[in-house]
Amino acid sequence: MSKKGVSTGTVHTLPADLKKEIIASPKVLALWEDITPLARNEWICWVISGKKAETRGIRIKKALSKLKGGMRRPCCWAGCTHR
């Protein structure tokens, strides 16, 4: 991790709510910093692409769970269309 803070994606910036949860888990933070900027971008895009706040909250919880399990990219998702 750089002195500037938690790394972000290639297109999307890391939203505060997701950043807070990533920082709260050392295991997730370590993996987050180890994955590529493109992979981080896909996680961010997957989380923010939910239309409802409830969906976003669910996606943040799922992302943390999957990252804790070592998953490096969101699965079963077409990927970020913004790159």
C-alpha atoms as a PDB file:
ATOM      1  CA  MET A   1       0.000   0.000   0.000  1.00  0.00           C
ATOM      2  CA  SER A   2       1.292   3.425  -0.848  1.00  0.00           C
ATOM      3  CA  LYS A   3       1.545   6.284   1.632  1.00  0.00           C
ATOM      4  CA  LYS A   4      -1.307   7.977  -0.240  1.00  0.00           C
ATOM      5  CA  GLY A   5      -3.843   5.389   0.946  1.00  0.00           C
ATOM      6  CA  VAL A   6      -5.674   2.439  -0.484  1.00  0.00           C
ATOM      7  CA  SER A   7      -5.110   1.740  -4.180  1.00  0.00           C
ATOM      8  CA  THR A   8      -7.940   2.369  -6.619  1.00  0.00           C
ATOM      9  CA  GLY A   9      -8.993   1.060 -10.035  1.00  0.00           C
ATOM     10  CA  THR A  10      -8.021   2.072 -13.545  1.00  0.00           C
ATOM     11  CA  VAL A  11     -11.206   3.999 -14.332  1.00  0.00           C
ATOM     12  CA  HIS A  12     -13.246   4.014 -11.130  1.00  0.00           C
ATOM     13  CA  THR A  13     -12.142   5.600  -7.878  1.00  0.00           C
ATOM     14  CA  LEU A  14     -12.626   3.655  -4.683  1.00  0.00           C
ATOM     15  CA  PRO A  15     -15.876   4.778  -2.997  1.00  0.00           C
ATOM     16  CA  ALA A  16     -15.672   5.669   0.700  1.00  0.00           C
ATOM     17  CA  ASP A  17     -18.027   2.906   1.879  1.00  0.00           C
ATOM     18  CA  LEU A  18     -16.061   0.160   0.114  1.00  0.00           C
ATOM     19  CA  LYS A  19     -12.729   1.675   1.185  1.00  0.00           C
ATOM     20  CA  LYS A  20     -13.833   1.683   4.825  1.00  0.00           C
ATOM     21  CA  GLU A  21     -14.695  -2.022   4.690  1.00  0.00           C
ATOM     22  CA  ILE A  22     -11.464  -2.946   2.895  1.00  0.00           C
ATOM     23  CA  ILE A  23      -9.371  -1.110   5.498  1.00  0.00           C
ATOM     24  CA  ALA A  24     -11.260  -2.836   8.313  1.00  0.00           C
ATOM     25  CA  SER A  25      -9.944  -6.258   7.228  1.00  0.00           C
ATOM     26  CA  PRO A  26      -6.157  -6.693   7.032  1.00  0.00           C
ATOM     27  CA  LYS A  27      -6.560  -9.871   4.939  1.00  0.00           C
ATOM     28  CA  VAL A  28      -8.793  -8.113   2.413  1.00  0.00           C
ATOM     29  CA  LEU A  29      -6.518  -5.065   2.328  1.00  0.00           C
ATOM     30  CA  ALA A  30      -3.464  -7.228   1.633  1.00  0.00           C
ATOM     31  CA  LEU A  31      -5.201  -8.956  -1.284  1.00  0.00           C
ATOM     32  CA  TRP A  32      -6.639  -5.655  -2.543  1.00  0.00           C
ATOM     33  CA  GLU A  33      -3.139  -4.215  -2.784  1.00  0.00           C
ATOM     34  CA  ASP A  34      -1.856  -7.392  -4.473  1.00  0.00           C
ATOM     35  CA  ILE A  35      -4.420  -7.551  -7.288  1.00  0.00           C
ATOM     36  CA  THR A  36      -4.007  -5.547 -10.486  1.00  0.00           C
ATOM     37  CA  PRO A  37      -5.525  -2.083 -10.945  1.00  0.00           C
ATOM     38  CA  LEU A  38      -7.815  -3.623 -13.589  1.00  0.00           C
ATOM     39  CA  ALA A  39      -9.039  -6.246 -11.106  1.00  0.00           C
ATOM     40  CA  ARG A  40      -9.656  -3.544  -8.476  1.00  0.00           C
ATOM     41  CA  ASN A  41     -11.546  -1.581 -11.112  1.00  0.00           C
ATOM     42  CA  GLU A  42     -13.826  -4.551 -11.765  1.00  0.00           C
ATOM     43  CA  TRP A  43     -14.600  -5.004  -8.070  1.00  0.00           C
ATOM     44  CA  ILE A  44     -15.389  -1.295  -7.749  1.00  0.00           C
ATOM     45  CA  CYS A  45     -17.553  -1.260 -10.877  1.00  0.00           C
ATOM     46  CA  TRP A  46     -19.427  -4.382  -9.750  1.00  0.00           C
ATOM     47  CA  VAL A  47     -20.203  -2.776  -6.378  1.00  0.00           C
ATOM     48  CA  ILE A  48     -21.280   0.627  -7.738  1.00  0.00           C
ATOM     49  CA  SER A  49     -23.288  -0.756 -10.654  1.00  0.00           C
ATOM     50  CA  GLY A  50     -26.121  -1.817  -8.341  1.00  0.00           C
ATOM     51  CA  LYS A  51     -29.102   0.480  -8.823  1.00  0.00           C
ATOM     52  CA  LYS A  52     -30.355   0.387  -5.213  1.00  0.00           C
ATOM     53  CA  ALA A  53     -28.487   1.212  -1.997  1.00  0.00           C
ATOM     54  CA  GLU A  54     -29.579  -2.180  -0.675  1.00  0.00           C
ATOM     55  CA  THR A  55     -27.966  -3.925  -3.664  1.00  0.00           C
ATOM     56  CA  ARG A  56     -24.762  -1.968  -3.160  1.00  0.00           C
ATOM     57  CA  GLY A  57     -24.623  -2.990   0.503  1.00  0.00           C
ATOM     58  CA  ILE A  58     -25.125  -6.627  -0.413  1.00  0.00           C
ATOM     59  CA  ARG A  59     -22.417  -6.415  -3.055  1.00  0.00           C
ATOM     60  CA  ILE A  60     -19.948  -4.864  -0.624  1.00  0.00           C
ATOM     61  CA  LYS A  61     -20.538  -7.729   1.833  1.00  0.00           C
ATOM     62  CA  LYS A  62     -20.178 -10.306  -0.940  1.00  0.00           C
ATOM     63  CA  ALA A  63     -17.028  -8.646  -2.281  1.00  0.00           C
ATOM     64  CA  LEU A  64     -15.406  -8.707   1.153  1.00  0.00           C
ATOM     65  CA  SER A  65     -16.346 -12.337   1.642  1.00  0.00           C
ATOM     66  CA  LYS A  66     -14.981 -13.325  -1.755  1.00  0.00           C
ATOM     67  CA  LEU A  67     -11.787 -11.296  -1.295  1.00  0.00           C
ATOM     68  CA  LYS A  68     -11.263 -12.926   2.121  1.00  0.00           C
ATOM     69  CA  GLY A  69     -11.547 -16.260   0.327  1.00  0.00           C
ATOM     70  CA  GLY A  70      -8.822 -15.229  -2.112  1.00  0.00           C
ATOM     71  CA  MET A  71     -10.963 -14.427  -5.156  1.00  0.00           C
ATOM     72  CA  ARG A  72      -9.129 -11.895  -7.272  1.00  0.00           C
ATOM     73  CA  ARG A  73     -11.988 -10.838  -9.604  1.00  0.00           C
ATOM     74  CA  PRO A  74     -15.784 -10.849  -9.403  1.00  0.00           C
ATOM     75  CA  CYS A  75     -17.124 -13.997 -11.015  1.00  0.00           C
ATOM     76  CA  CYS A  76     -20.262 -14.503 -13.068  1.00  0.00           C
ATOM     77  CA  TRP A  77     -20.167 -10.873 -14.204  1.00  0.00           C
ATOM     78  CA  ALA A  78     -19.414  -9.593 -17.691  1.00  0.00           C
ATOM     79  CA  GLY A  79     -16.879  -7.088 -16.381  1.00  0.00           C
ATOM     80  CA  CYS A  80     -16.551  -3.331 -16.366  1.00  0.00           C
ATOM     81  CA  THR A  81     -17.825  -1.760 -19.558  1.00  0.00           C
ATOM     82  CA  HIS A  82     -16.110   1.551 -18.772  1.00  0.00           C
ATOM     83  CA  ARG A  83     -12.552   0.540 -19.684  1.00  0.00           C
END
